Amino acid sequence: MIDLRNMMESGPPLRMSHLLSFLSQTGRSEICPFCRYDGGWDIHLQIEGDRVEDDALLSIFTVQTLSEPNSPHQCAGLTCPKCGHFSMISVYKIRHHLDMTEKANG
């Protein structure tokens, strides 16, 4: 079996537009599963000084799991602006989506 996660976690830096494309194309709901807020979420971005780039780089979080202690997961983060629920999106899923989109567009 191919380990897609390990193959797809490395590559060029991911940007806000990559995450937004992934969320849109996969039909991810904007409704918070905890407070039922229905709207845009805060995206965790890398910010230089006081200036936010138009298509800023995503902040990537490394998550260690008990089931795979030697294989940490990389994730992008979103926060509900109402209740603060923190949601993580696996980097390998975003990269896989981008790869499939590029192949489909030739």
PDB file of N, CA and C in Angstrom:
ATOM      1  N   MET A   1       0.840  -1.178   0.000  1.00  0.00           N
ATOM      2  CA  MET A   1       0.000   0.000   0.000  1.00  0.00           C
ATOM      3  C   MET A   1       0.889   1.247   0.000  1.00  0.00           C
ATOM      4  N   ILE A   2       0.559   2.216  -0.821  1.00  0.00           N
ATOM      5  CA  ILE A   2       1.308   3.464  -0.911  1.00  0.00           C
ATOM      6  C   ILE A   2       0.911   4.364   0.251  1.00  0.00           C
ATOM      7  N   ASP A   3       1.893   4.956   0.921  1.00  0.00           N
ATOM      8  CA  ASP A   3       1.635   5.877   2.009  1.00  0.00           C
ATOM      9  C   ASP A   3       1.525   7.285   1.430  1.00  0.00           C
ATOM     10  N   LEU A   4       0.316   7.636   1.009  1.00  0.00           N
ATOM     11  CA  LEU A   4       0.066   8.922   0.357  1.00  0.00           C
ATOM     12  C   LEU A   4       0.426  10.087   1.269  1.00  0.00           C
ATOM     13  N   ARG A   5       0.176   9.944   2.561  1.00  0.00           N
ATOM     14  CA  ARG A   5       0.438  11.053   3.489  1.00  0.00           C
ATOM     15  C   ARG A   5       1.913  11.435   3.472  1.00  0.00           C
ATOM     16  N   ASN A   6       2.808  10.464   3.606  1.00  0.00           N
ATOM     17  CA  ASN A   6       4.235  10.788   3.625  1.00  0.00           C
ATOM     18  C   ASN A   6       4.710  11.323   2.283  1.00  0.00           C
ATOM     19  N   MET A   7       4.144  10.836   1.185  1.00  0.00           N
ATOM     20  CA  MET A   7       4.526  11.340  -0.140  1.00  0.00           C
ATOM     21  C   MET A   7       4.101  12.785  -0.340  1.00  0.00           C
ATOM     22  N   MET A   8       2.951  13.157   0.196  1.00  0.00           N
ATOM     23  CA  MET A   8       2.346  14.441  -0.123  1.00  0.00           C
ATOM     24  C   MET A   8       2.576  15.532   0.923  1.00  0.00           C
ATOM     25  N   GLU A   9       3.298  15.265   1.989  1.00  0.00           N
ATOM     26  CA  GLU A   9       3.516  16.301   2.993  1.00  0.00           C
ATOM     27  C   GLU A   9       4.680  17.215   2.642  1.00  0.00           C
ATOM     28  N   SER A  10       5.551  16.775   1.742  1.00  0.00           N
ATOM     29  CA  SER A  10       6.665  17.639   1.357  1.00  0.00           C
ATOM     30  C   SER A  10       6.370  18.279   0.011  1.00  0.00           C
ATOM     31  N   GLY A  11       6.976  19.410  -0.229  1.00  0.00           N
ATOM     32  CA  GLY A  11       6.770  20.109  -1.490  1.00  0.00           C
ATOM     33  C   GLY A  11       6.879  21.602  -1.282  1.00  0.00           C
ATOM     34  N   PRO A  12       6.502  22.365  -2.303  1.00  0.00           N
ATOM     35  CA  PRO A  12       6.594  23.825  -2.188  1.00  0.00           C
ATOM     36  C   PRO A  12       5.662  24.349  -1.089  1.00  0.00           C
ATOM     37  N   PRO A  13       5.956  25.530  -0.570  1.00  0.00           N
ATOM     38  CA  PRO A  13       5.116  26.102   0.489  1.00  0.00           C
ATOM     39  C   PRO A  13       3.659  26.240   0.043  1.00  0.00           C
ATOM     40  N   LEU A  14       2.754  26.005   0.975  1.00  0.00           N
ATOM     41  CA  LEU A  14       1.329  26.149   0.688  1.00  0.00           C
ATOM     42  C   LEU A  14       0.871  27.558   1.033  1.00  0.00           C
ATOM     43  N   ARG A  15      -0.008  28.083   0.201  1.00  0.00           N
ATOM     44  CA  ARG A  15      -0.520  29.441   0.362  1.00  0.00           C
ATOM     45  C   ARG A  15      -2.006  29.421   0.697  1.00  0.00           C
ATOM     46  N   MET A  16      -2.510  30.566   1.103  1.00  0.00           N
ATOM     47  CA  MET A  16      -3.917  30.707   1.437  1.00  0.00           C
ATOM     48  C   MET A  16      -4.799  30.281   0.262  1.00  0.00           C
ATOM     49  N   SER A  17      -4.420  30.637  -0.945  1.00  0.00           N
ATOM     50  CA  SER A  17      -5.232  30.277  -2.116  1.00  0.00           C
ATOM     51  C   SER A  17      -5.324  28.767  -2.305  1.00  0.00           C
ATOM     52  N   HIS A  18      -4.275  28.027  -1.936  1.00  0.00           N
ATOM     53  CA  HIS A  18      -4.303  26.569  -2.036  1.00  0.00           C
ATOM     54  C   HIS A  18      -5.354  25.998  -1.085  1.00  0.00           C
ATOM     55  N   LEU A  19      -5.368  26.502   0.150  1.00  0.00           N
ATOM     56  CA  LEU A  19      -6.335  26.024   1.135  1.00  0.00           C
ATOM     57  C   LEU A  19      -7.754  26.398   0.720  1.00  0.00           C
ATOM     58  N   LEU A  20      -7.948  27.632   0.267  1.00  0.00           N
ATOM     59  CA  LEU A  20      -9.282  28.061  -0.146  1.00  0.00           C
ATOM     60  C   LEU A  20      -9.797  27.240  -1.320  1.00  0.00           C
ATOM     61  N   SER A  21      -8.933  26.918  -2.264  1.00  0.00           N
ATOM     62  CA  SER A  21      -9.312  26.065  -3.391  1.00  0.00           C
ATOM     63  C   SER A  21      -9.720  24.682  -2.897  1.00  0.00           C
ATOM     64  N   PHE A  22      -8.921  24.110  -1.998  1.00  0.00           N
ATOM     65  CA  PHE A  22      -9.228  22.799  -1.431  1.00  0.00           C
ATOM     66  C   PHE A  22     -10.590  22.814  -0.733  1.00  0.00           C
ATOM     67  N   LEU A  23     -10.821  23.805   0.120  1.00  0.00           N
ATOM     68  CA  LEU A  23     -12.077  23.879   0.864  1.00  0.00           C
ATOM     69  C   LEU A  23     -13.269  24.021  -0.073  1.00  0.00           C
ATOM     70  N   SER A  24     -13.123  24.856  -1.090  1.00  0.00           N
ATOM     71  CA  SER A  24     -14.202  25.078  -2.054  1.00  0.00           C
ATOM     72  C   SER A  24     -14.489  23.824  -2.883  1.00  0.00           C
ATOM     73  N   GLN A  25     -13.447  23.236  -3.430  1.00  0.00           N
ATOM     74  CA  GLN A  25     -13.617  22.089  -4.323  1.00  0.00           C
ATOM     75  C   GLN A  25     -14.088  20.828  -3.595  1.00  0.00           C
ATOM     76  N   THR A  26     -13.768  20.691  -2.321  1.00  0.00           N
ATOM     77  CA  THR A  26     -14.193  19.505  -1.583  1.00  0.00           C
ATOM     78  C   THR A  26     -15.548  19.701  -0.911  1.00  0.00           C
ATOM     79  N   GLY A  27     -16.080  20.909  -0.969  1.00  0.00           N
ATOM     80  CA  GLY A  27     -17.401  21.175  -0.401  1.00  0.00           C
ATOM     81  C   GLY A  27     -17.417  21.251   1.120  1.00  0.00           C
ATOM     82  N   ARG A  28     -16.299  21.601   1.709  1.00  0.00           N
ATOM     83  CA  ARG A  28     -16.216  21.690   3.168  1.00  0.00           C
ATOM     84  C   ARG A  28     -17.224  22.721   3.677  1.00  0.00           C
ATOM     85  N   SER A  29     -18.010  22.337   4.655  1.00  0.00           N
ATOM     86  CA  SER A  29     -19.016  23.211   5.242  1.00  0.00           C
ATOM     87  C   SER A  29     -18.351  24.339   6.018  1.00  0.00           C
ATOM     88  N   GLU A  30     -18.951  25.516   5.991  1.00  0.00           N
ATOM     89  CA  GLU A  30     -18.464  26.642   6.777  1.00  0.00           C
ATOM     90  C   GLU A  30     -19.101  26.675   8.156  1.00  0.00           C
ATOM     91  N   ILE A  31     -20.006  25.733   8.436  1.00  0.00           N
ATOM     92  CA  ILE A  31     -20.707  25.724   9.716  1.00  0.00           C
ATOM     93  C   ILE A  31     -19.828  25.069  10.780  1.00  0.00           C
ATOM     94  N   CYS A  32     -19.637  25.777  11.880  1.00  0.00           N
ATOM     95  CA  CYS A  32     -18.848  25.249  12.991  1.00  0.00           C
ATOM     96  C   CYS A  32     -19.627  24.097  13.634  1.00  0.00           C
ATOM     97  N   PRO A  33     -18.970  22.954  13.845  1.00  0.00           N
ATOM     98  CA  PRO A  33     -19.675  21.816  14.445  1.00  0.00           C
ATOM     99  C   PRO A  33     -20.016  22.007  15.923  1.00  0.00           C
ATOM    100  N   PHE A  34     -19.498  23.065  16.561  1.00  0.00           N
ATOM    101  CA  PHE A  34     -19.739  23.264  17.980  1.00  0.00           C
ATOM    102  C   PHE A  34     -20.742  24.374  18.278  1.00  0.00           C
ATOM    103  N   CYS A  35     -20.558  25.548  17.656  1.00  0.00           N
ATOM    104  CA  CYS A  35     -21.457  26.668  17.976  1.00  0.00           C
ATOM    105  C   CYS A  35     -22.434  26.971  16.836  1.00  0.00           C
ATOM    106  N   ARG A  36     -22.295  26.264  15.743  1.00  0.00           N
ATOM    107  CA  ARG A  36     -23.159  26.407  14.560  1.00  0.00           C
ATOM    108  C   ARG A  36     -22.973  27.740  13.834  1.00  0.00           C
ATOM    109  N   TYR A  37     -21.874  28.467  14.127  1.00  0.00           N
ATOM    110  CA  TYR A  37     -21.536  29.684  13.375  1.00  0.00           C
ATOM    111  C   TYR A  37     -21.484  29.310  11.905  1.00  0.00           C
ATOM    112  N   ASP A  38     -22.070  30.157  11.060  1.00  0.00           N
ATOM    113  CA  ASP A  38     -22.108  29.875   9.622  1.00  0.00           C
ATOM    114  C   ASP A  38     -21.478  31.038   8.868  1.00  0.00           C
ATOM    115  N   GLY A  39     -20.194  30.909   8.586  1.00  0.00           N
ATOM    116  CA  GLY A  39     -19.488  31.963   7.874  1.00  0.00           C
ATOM    117  C   GLY A  39     -18.027  31.606   7.729  1.00  0.00           C
ATOM    118  N   GLY A  40     -17.234  32.549   7.265  1.00  0.00           N
ATOM    119  CA  GLY A  40     -15.815  32.305   7.053  1.00  0.00           C
ATOM    120  C   GLY A  40     -15.057  32.104   8.350  1.00  0.00           C
ATOM    121  N   TRP A  41     -14.067  31.259   8.296  1.00  0.00           N
ATOM    122  CA  TRP A  41     -13.220  30.967   9.446  1.00  0.00           C
ATOM    123  C   TRP A  41     -11.921  31.741   9.336  1.00  0.00           C
ATOM    124  N   ASP A  42     -11.239  31.928  10.462  1.00  0.00           N
ATOM    125  CA  ASP A  42      -9.917  32.549  10.476  1.00  0.00           C
ATOM    126  C   ASP A  42      -8.898  31.508  10.034  1.00  0.00           C
ATOM    127  N   ILE A  43      -8.039  31.873   9.093  1.00  0.00           N
ATOM    128  CA  ILE A  43      -6.998  30.985   8.594  1.00  0.00           C
ATOM    129  C   ILE A  43      -5.678  31.411   9.226  1.00  0.00           C
ATOM    130  N   HIS A  44      -4.920  30.458   9.722  1.00  0.00           N
ATOM    131  CA  HIS A  44      -3.631  30.757  10.347  1.00  0.00           C
ATOM    132  C   HIS A  44      -2.567  30.919   9.260  1.00  0.00           C
ATOM    133  N   LEU A  45      -2.007  32.137   9.185  1.00  0.00           N
ATOM    134  CA  LEU A  45      -1.067  32.505   8.131  1.00  0.00           C
ATOM    135  C   LEU A  45       0.255  32.973   8.716  1.00  0.00           C
ATOM    136  N   GLN A  46       1.297  32.889   7.915  1.00  0.00           N
ATOM    137  CA  GLN A  46       2.591  33.450   8.297  1.00  0.00           C
ATOM    138  C   GLN A  46       2.561  34.934   7.950  1.00  0.00           C
ATOM    139  N   ILE A  47       2.836  35.768   8.935  1.00  0.00           N
ATOM    140  CA  ILE A  47       2.772  37.217   8.738  1.00  0.00           C
ATOM    141  C   ILE A  47       4.129  37.823   9.052  1.00  0.00           C
ATOM    142  N   GLU A  48       4.606  38.654   8.145  1.00  0.00           N
ATOM    143  CA  GLU A  48       5.879  39.365   8.327  1.00  0.00           C
ATOM    144  C   GLU A  48       5.579  40.762   8.859  1.00  0.00           C
ATOM    145  N   GLY A  49       5.972  41.035  10.098  1.00  0.00           N
ATOM    146  CA  GLY A  49       5.731  42.355  10.686  1.00  0.00           C
ATOM    147  C   GLY A  49       4.248  42.642  10.802  1.00  0.00           C
ATOM    148  N   ASP A  50       3.829  43.830  10.323  1.00  0.00           N
ATOM    149  CA  ASP A  50       2.421  44.235  10.378  1.00  0.00           C
ATOM    150  C   ASP A  50       1.699  43.982   9.058  1.00  0.00           C
ATOM    151  N   ARG A  51       2.404  43.469   8.066  1.00  0.00           N
ATOM    152  CA  ARG A  51       1.857  43.359   6.710  1.00  0.00           C
ATOM    153  C   ARG A  51       1.433  41.924   6.405  1.00  0.00           C
ATOM    154  N   VAL A  52       0.220  41.782   5.869  1.00  0.00           N
ATOM    155  CA  VAL A  52      -0.260  40.480   5.418  1.00  0.00           C
ATOM    156  C   VAL A  52      -0.166  40.452   3.900  1.00  0.00           C
ATOM    157  N   GLU A  53       0.539  39.470   3.393  1.00  0.00           N
ATOM    158  CA  GLU A  53       0.676  39.284   1.947  1.00  0.00           C
ATOM    159  C   GLU A  53      -0.683  38.961   1.328  1.00  0.00           C
ATOM    160  N   ASP A  54      -0.899  39.319   0.055  1.00  0.00           N
ATOM    161  CA  ASP A  54      -2.155  39.019  -0.623  1.00  0.00           C
ATOM    162  C   ASP A  54      -2.467  37.523  -0.603  1.00  0.00           C
ATOM    163  N   ASP A  55      -1.490  36.699  -0.888  1.00  0.00           N
ATOM    164  CA  ASP A  55      -1.668  35.252  -0.885  1.00  0.00           C
ATOM    165  C   ASP A  55      -0.632  34.660   0.064  1.00  0.00           C
ATOM    166  N   ALA A  56      -0.833  34.936   1.344  1.00  0.00           N
ATOM    167  CA  ALA A  56       0.156  34.597   2.375  1.00  0.00           C
ATOM    168  C   ALA A  56       0.376  33.092   2.494  1.00  0.00           C
ATOM    169  N   LEU A  57       1.550  32.744   3.005  1.00  0.00           N
ATOM    170  CA  LEU A  57       1.873  31.347   3.279  1.00  0.00           C
ATOM    171  C   LEU A  57       1.057  30.862   4.473  1.00  0.00           C
ATOM    172  N   LEU A  58       0.636  29.607   4.418  1.00  0.00           N
ATOM    173  CA  LEU A  58      -0.066  29.010   5.540  1.00  0.00           C
ATOM    174  C   LEU A  58       0.921  28.707   6.658  1.00  0.00           C
ATOM    175  N   SER A  59       0.482  28.878   7.888  1.00  0.00           N
ATOM    176  CA  SER A  59       1.246  28.372   9.026  1.00  0.00           C
ATOM    177  C   SER A  59       0.983  26.875   9.077  1.00  0.00           C
ATOM    178  N   ILE A  60       2.041  26.093   9.175  1.00  0.00           N
ATOM    179  CA  ILE A  60       1.899  24.643   9.209  1.00  0.00           C
ATOM    180  C   ILE A  60       2.169  24.162  10.626  1.00  0.00           C
ATOM    181  N   PHE A  61       1.234  23.389  11.147  1.00  0.00           N
ATOM    182  CA  PHE A  61       1.338  22.824  12.488  1.00  0.00           C
ATOM    183  C   PHE A  61       1.754  21.363  12.370  1.00  0.00           C
ATOM    184  N   THR A  62       2.618  20.937  13.266  1.00  0.00           N
ATOM    185  CA  THR A  62       3.023  19.534  13.309  1.00  0.00           C
ATOM    186  C   THR A  62       2.321  18.880  14.486  1.00  0.00           C
ATOM    187  N   VAL A  63       1.620  17.797  14.200  1.00  0.00           N
ATOM    188  CA  VAL A  63       0.832  17.110  15.213  1.00  0.00           C
ATOM    189  C   VAL A  63       1.393  15.710  15.422  1.00  0.00           C
ATOM    190  N   GLN A  64       1.733  15.416  16.652  1.00  0.00           N
ATOM    191  CA  GLN A  64       2.232  14.094  17.018  1.00  0.00           C
ATOM    192  C   GLN A  64       1.052  13.259  17.497  1.00  0.00           C
ATOM    193  N   THR A  65       0.928  12.035  17.037  1.00  0.00           N
ATOM    194  CA  THR A  65      -0.153  11.168  17.488  1.00  0.00           C
ATOM    195  C   THR A  65       0.417   9.991  18.270  1.00  0.00           C
ATOM    196  N   LEU A  66      -0.371   9.465  19.172  1.00  0.00           N
ATOM    197  CA  LEU A  66       0.058   8.306  19.955  1.00  0.00           C
ATOM    198  C   LEU A  66       0.142   7.059  19.081  1.00  0.00           C
ATOM    199  N   SER A  67      -0.734   6.972  18.085  1.00  0.00           N
ATOM    200  CA  SER A  67      -0.741   5.776  17.239  1.00  0.00           C
ATOM    201  C   SER A  67       0.450   5.728  16.284  1.00  0.00           C
ATOM    202  N   GLU A  68       1.005   6.900  15.935  1.00  0.00           N
ATOM    203  CA  GLU A  68       2.163   6.965  15.050  1.00  0.00           C
ATOM    204  C   GLU A  68       3.187   7.956  15.620  1.00  0.00           C
ATOM    205  N   PRO A  69       3.829   7.619  16.736  1.00  0.00           N
ATOM    206  CA  PRO A  69       4.711   8.586  17.399  1.00  0.00           C
ATOM    207  C   PRO A  69       5.928   9.004  16.577  1.00  0.00           C
ATOM    208  N   ASN A  70       6.352   8.196  15.635  1.00  0.00           N
ATOM    209  CA  ASN A  70       7.516   8.534  14.814  1.00  0.00           C
ATOM    210  C   ASN A  70       7.133   9.128  13.462  1.00  0.00           C
ATOM    211  N   SER A  71       5.866   9.425  13.286  1.00  0.00           N
ATOM    212  CA  SER A  71       5.397   9.940  12.007  1.00  0.00           C
ATOM    213  C   SER A  71       4.420  11.098  12.229  1.00  0.00           C
ATOM    214  N   PRO A  72       4.934  12.286  12.577  1.00  0.00           N
ATOM    215  CA  PRO A  72       4.036  13.416  12.842  1.00  0.00           C
ATOM    216  C   PRO A  72       3.288  13.865  11.586  1.00  0.00           C
ATOM    217  N   HIS A  73       2.112  14.392  11.798  1.00  0.00           N
ATOM    218  CA  HIS A  73       1.274  14.899  10.714  1.00  0.00           C
ATOM    219  C   HIS A  73       1.468  16.404  10.582  1.00  0.00           C
ATOM    220  N   GLN A  74       1.439  16.905   9.341  1.00  0.00           N
ATOM    221  CA  GLN A  74       1.473  18.343   9.100  1.00  0.00           C
ATOM    222  C   GLN A  74       0.054  18.789   8.765  1.00  0.00           C
ATOM    223  N   CYS A  75      -0.345  19.905   9.350  1.00  0.00           N
ATOM    224  CA  CYS A  75      -1.713  20.395   9.165  1.00  0.00           C
ATOM    225  C   CYS A  75      -1.734  21.912   9.020  1.00  0.00           C
ATOM    226  N   ALA A  76      -2.739  22.391   8.291  1.00  0.00           N
ATOM    227  CA  ALA A  76      -3.062  23.810   8.247  1.00  0.00           C
ATOM    228  C   ALA A  76      -4.167  24.025   9.277  1.00  0.00           C
ATOM    229  N   GLY A  77      -4.251  25.224   9.845  1.00  0.00           N
ATOM    230  CA  GLY A  77      -5.229  25.459  10.898  1.00  0.00           C
ATOM    231  C   GLY A  77      -6.258  26.520  10.553  1.00  0.00           C
ATOM    232  N   LEU A  78      -7.483  26.278  11.019  1.00  0.00           N
ATOM    233  CA  LEU A  78      -8.596  27.212  10.896  1.00  0.00           C
ATOM    234  C   LEU A  78      -9.214  27.386  12.285  1.00  0.00           C
ATOM    235  N   THR A  79      -9.660  28.592  12.592  1.00  0.00           N
ATOM    236  CA  THR A  79     -10.300  28.846  13.880  1.00  0.00           C
ATOM    237  C   THR A  79     -11.663  29.487  13.652  1.00  0.00           C
ATOM    238  N   CYS A  80     -12.679  28.981  14.351  1.00  0.00           N
ATOM    239  CA  CYS A  80     -14.013  29.587  14.305  1.00  0.00           C
ATOM    240  C   CYS A  80     -13.928  30.943  14.990  1.00  0.00           C
ATOM    241  N   PRO A  81     -14.343  32.029  14.303  1.00  0.00           N
ATOM    242  CA  PRO A  81     -14.239  33.357  14.910  1.00  0.00           C
ATOM    243  C   PRO A  81     -15.233  33.596  16.045  1.00  0.00           C
ATOM    244  N   LYS A  82     -16.216  32.720  16.193  1.00  0.00           N
ATOM    245  CA  LYS A  82     -17.197  32.908  17.260  1.00  0.00           C
ATOM    246  C   LYS A  82     -16.810  32.167  18.538  1.00  0.00           C
ATOM    247  N   CYS A  83     -16.547  30.853  18.439  1.00  0.00           N
ATOM    248  CA  CYS A  83     -16.298  30.070  19.657  1.00  0.00           C
ATOM    249  C   CYS A  83     -14.838  29.667  19.834  1.00  0.00           C
ATOM    250  N   GLY A  84     -14.004  29.869  18.801  1.00  0.00           N
ATOM    251  CA  GLY A  84     -12.591  29.541  18.915  1.00  0.00           C
ATOM    252  C   GLY A  84     -12.243  28.095  18.617  1.00  0.00           C
ATOM    253  N   HIS A  85     -13.220  27.297  18.157  1.00  0.00           N
ATOM    254  CA  HIS A  85     -12.909  25.908  17.813  1.00  0.00           C
ATOM    255  C   HIS A  85     -11.780  25.889  16.786  1.00  0.00           C
ATOM    256  N   PHE A  86     -10.754  25.089  17.048  1.00  0.00           N
ATOM    257  CA  PHE A  86      -9.590  24.986  16.167  1.00  0.00           C
ATOM    258  C   PHE A  86      -9.723  23.721  15.343  1.00  0.00           C
ATOM    259  N   SER A  87      -9.727  23.885  14.036  1.00  0.00           N
ATOM    260  CA  SER A  87      -9.862  22.764  13.116  1.00  0.00           C
ATOM    261  C   SER A  87      -8.585  22.634  12.307  1.00  0.00           C
ATOM    262  N   MET A  88      -8.159  21.405  12.061  1.00  0.00           N
ATOM    263  CA  MET A  88      -6.929  21.173  11.316  1.00  0.00           C
ATOM    264  C   MET A  88      -7.249  20.422  10.031  1.00  0.00           C
ATOM    265  N   ILE A  89      -6.547  20.809   8.951  1.00  0.00           N
ATOM    266  CA  ILE A  89      -6.680  20.168   7.650  1.00  0.00           C
ATOM    267  C   ILE A  89      -5.332  19.557   7.315  1.00  0.00           C
ATOM    268  N   SER A  90      -5.310  18.271   6.998  1.00  0.00           N
ATOM    269  CA  SER A  90      -4.053  17.587   6.686  1.00  0.00           C
ATOM    270  C   SER A  90      -3.415  18.157   5.429  1.00  0.00           C
ATOM    271  N   VAL A  91      -2.139  18.499   5.536  1.00  0.00           N
ATOM    272  CA  VAL A  91      -1.387  19.041   4.405  1.00  0.00           C
ATOM    273  C   VAL A  91      -1.387  18.066   3.230  1.00  0.00           C
ATOM    274  N   TYR A  92      -1.280  16.777   3.512  1.00  0.00           N
ATOM    275  CA  TYR A  92      -1.221  15.822   2.403  1.00  0.00           C
ATOM    276  C   TYR A  92      -2.510  15.821   1.591  1.00  0.00           C
ATOM    277  N   LYS A  93      -3.652  16.096   2.234  1.00  0.00           N
ATOM    278  CA  LYS A  93      -4.911  16.155   1.493  1.00  0.00           C
ATOM    279  C   LYS A  93      -4.960  17.404   0.602  1.00  0.00           C
ATOM    280  N   ILE A  94      -4.432  18.520   1.089  1.00  0.00           N
ATOM    281  CA  ILE A  94      -4.389  19.747   0.292  1.00  0.00           C
ATOM    282  C   ILE A  94      -3.469  19.536  -0.914  1.00  0.00           C
ATOM    283  N   ARG A  95      -2.288  18.967  -0.673  1.00  0.00           N
ATOM    284  CA  ARG A  95      -1.338  18.726  -1.769  1.00  0.00           C
ATOM    285  C   ARG A  95      -1.890  17.725  -2.792  1.00  0.00           C
ATOM    286  N   HIS A  96      -2.564  16.687  -2.306  1.00  0.00           N
ATOM    287  CA  HIS A  96      -3.158  15.712  -3.218  1.00  0.00           C
ATOM    288  C   HIS A  96      -4.215  16.386  -4.094  1.00  0.00           C
ATOM    289  N   HIS A  97      -5.027  17.230  -3.491  1.00  0.00           N
ATOM    290  CA  HIS A  97      -6.043  17.975  -4.244  1.00  0.00           C
ATOM    291  C   HIS A  97      -5.390  18.859  -5.314  1.00  0.00           C
ATOM    292  N   LEU A  98      -4.317  19.569  -4.944  1.00  0.00           N
ATOM    293  CA  LEU A  98      -3.617  20.433  -5.902  1.00  0.00           C
ATOM    294  C   LEU A  98      -3.029  19.612  -7.042  1.00  0.00           C
ATOM    295  N   ASP A  99      -2.460  18.459  -6.711  1.00  0.00           N
ATOM    296  CA  ASP A  99      -1.870  17.573  -7.717  1.00  0.00           C
ATOM    297  C   ASP A  99      -2.941  17.093  -8.700  1.00  0.00           C
ATOM    298  N   MET A 100      -4.086  16.674  -8.184  1.00  0.00           N
ATOM    299  CA  MET A 100      -5.191  16.189  -9.027  1.00  0.00           C
ATOM    300  C   MET A 100      -5.739  17.328  -9.907  1.00  0.00           C
ATOM    301  N   THR A 101      -5.818  18.529  -9.346  1.00  0.00           N
ATOM    302  CA  THR A 101      -6.302  19.689 -10.104  1.00  0.00           C
ATOM    303  C   THR A 101      -5.357  20.011 -11.250  1.00  0.00           C
ATOM    304  N   GLU A 102      -4.038  19.984 -10.978  1.00  0.00           N
ATOM    305  CA  GLU A 102      -3.048  20.249 -12.028  1.00  0.00           C
ATOM    306  C   GLU A 102      -3.118  19.214 -13.133  1.00  0.00           C
ATOM    307  N   LYS A 103      -3.266  17.947 -12.773  1.00  0.00           N
ATOM    308  CA  LYS A 103      -3.362  16.884 -13.776  1.00  0.00           C
ATOM    309  C   LYS A 103      -4.618  17.030 -14.631  1.00  0.00           C
ATOM    310  N   ALA A 104      -5.728  17.434 -14.006  1.00  0.00           N
ATOM    311  CA  ALA A 104      -6.983  17.602 -14.732  1.00  0.00           C
ATOM    312  C   ALA A 104      -6.936  18.792 -15.687  1.00  0.00           C
ATOM    313  N   ASN A 105      -6.160  19.822 -15.325  1.00  0.00           N
ATOM    314  CA  ASN A 105      -6.062  21.017 -16.160  1.00  0.00           C
ATOM    315  C   ASN A 105      -4.946  20.911 -17.196  1.00  0.00           C
ATOM    316  N   GLY A 106      -4.235  19.800 -17.175  1.00  0.00           N
ATOM    317  CA  GLY A 106      -3.196  19.553 -18.181  1.00  0.00           C
ATOM    318  C   GLY A 106      -1.941  20.219 -17.858  1.00  0.00           C
TER     319      GLY A 106
END
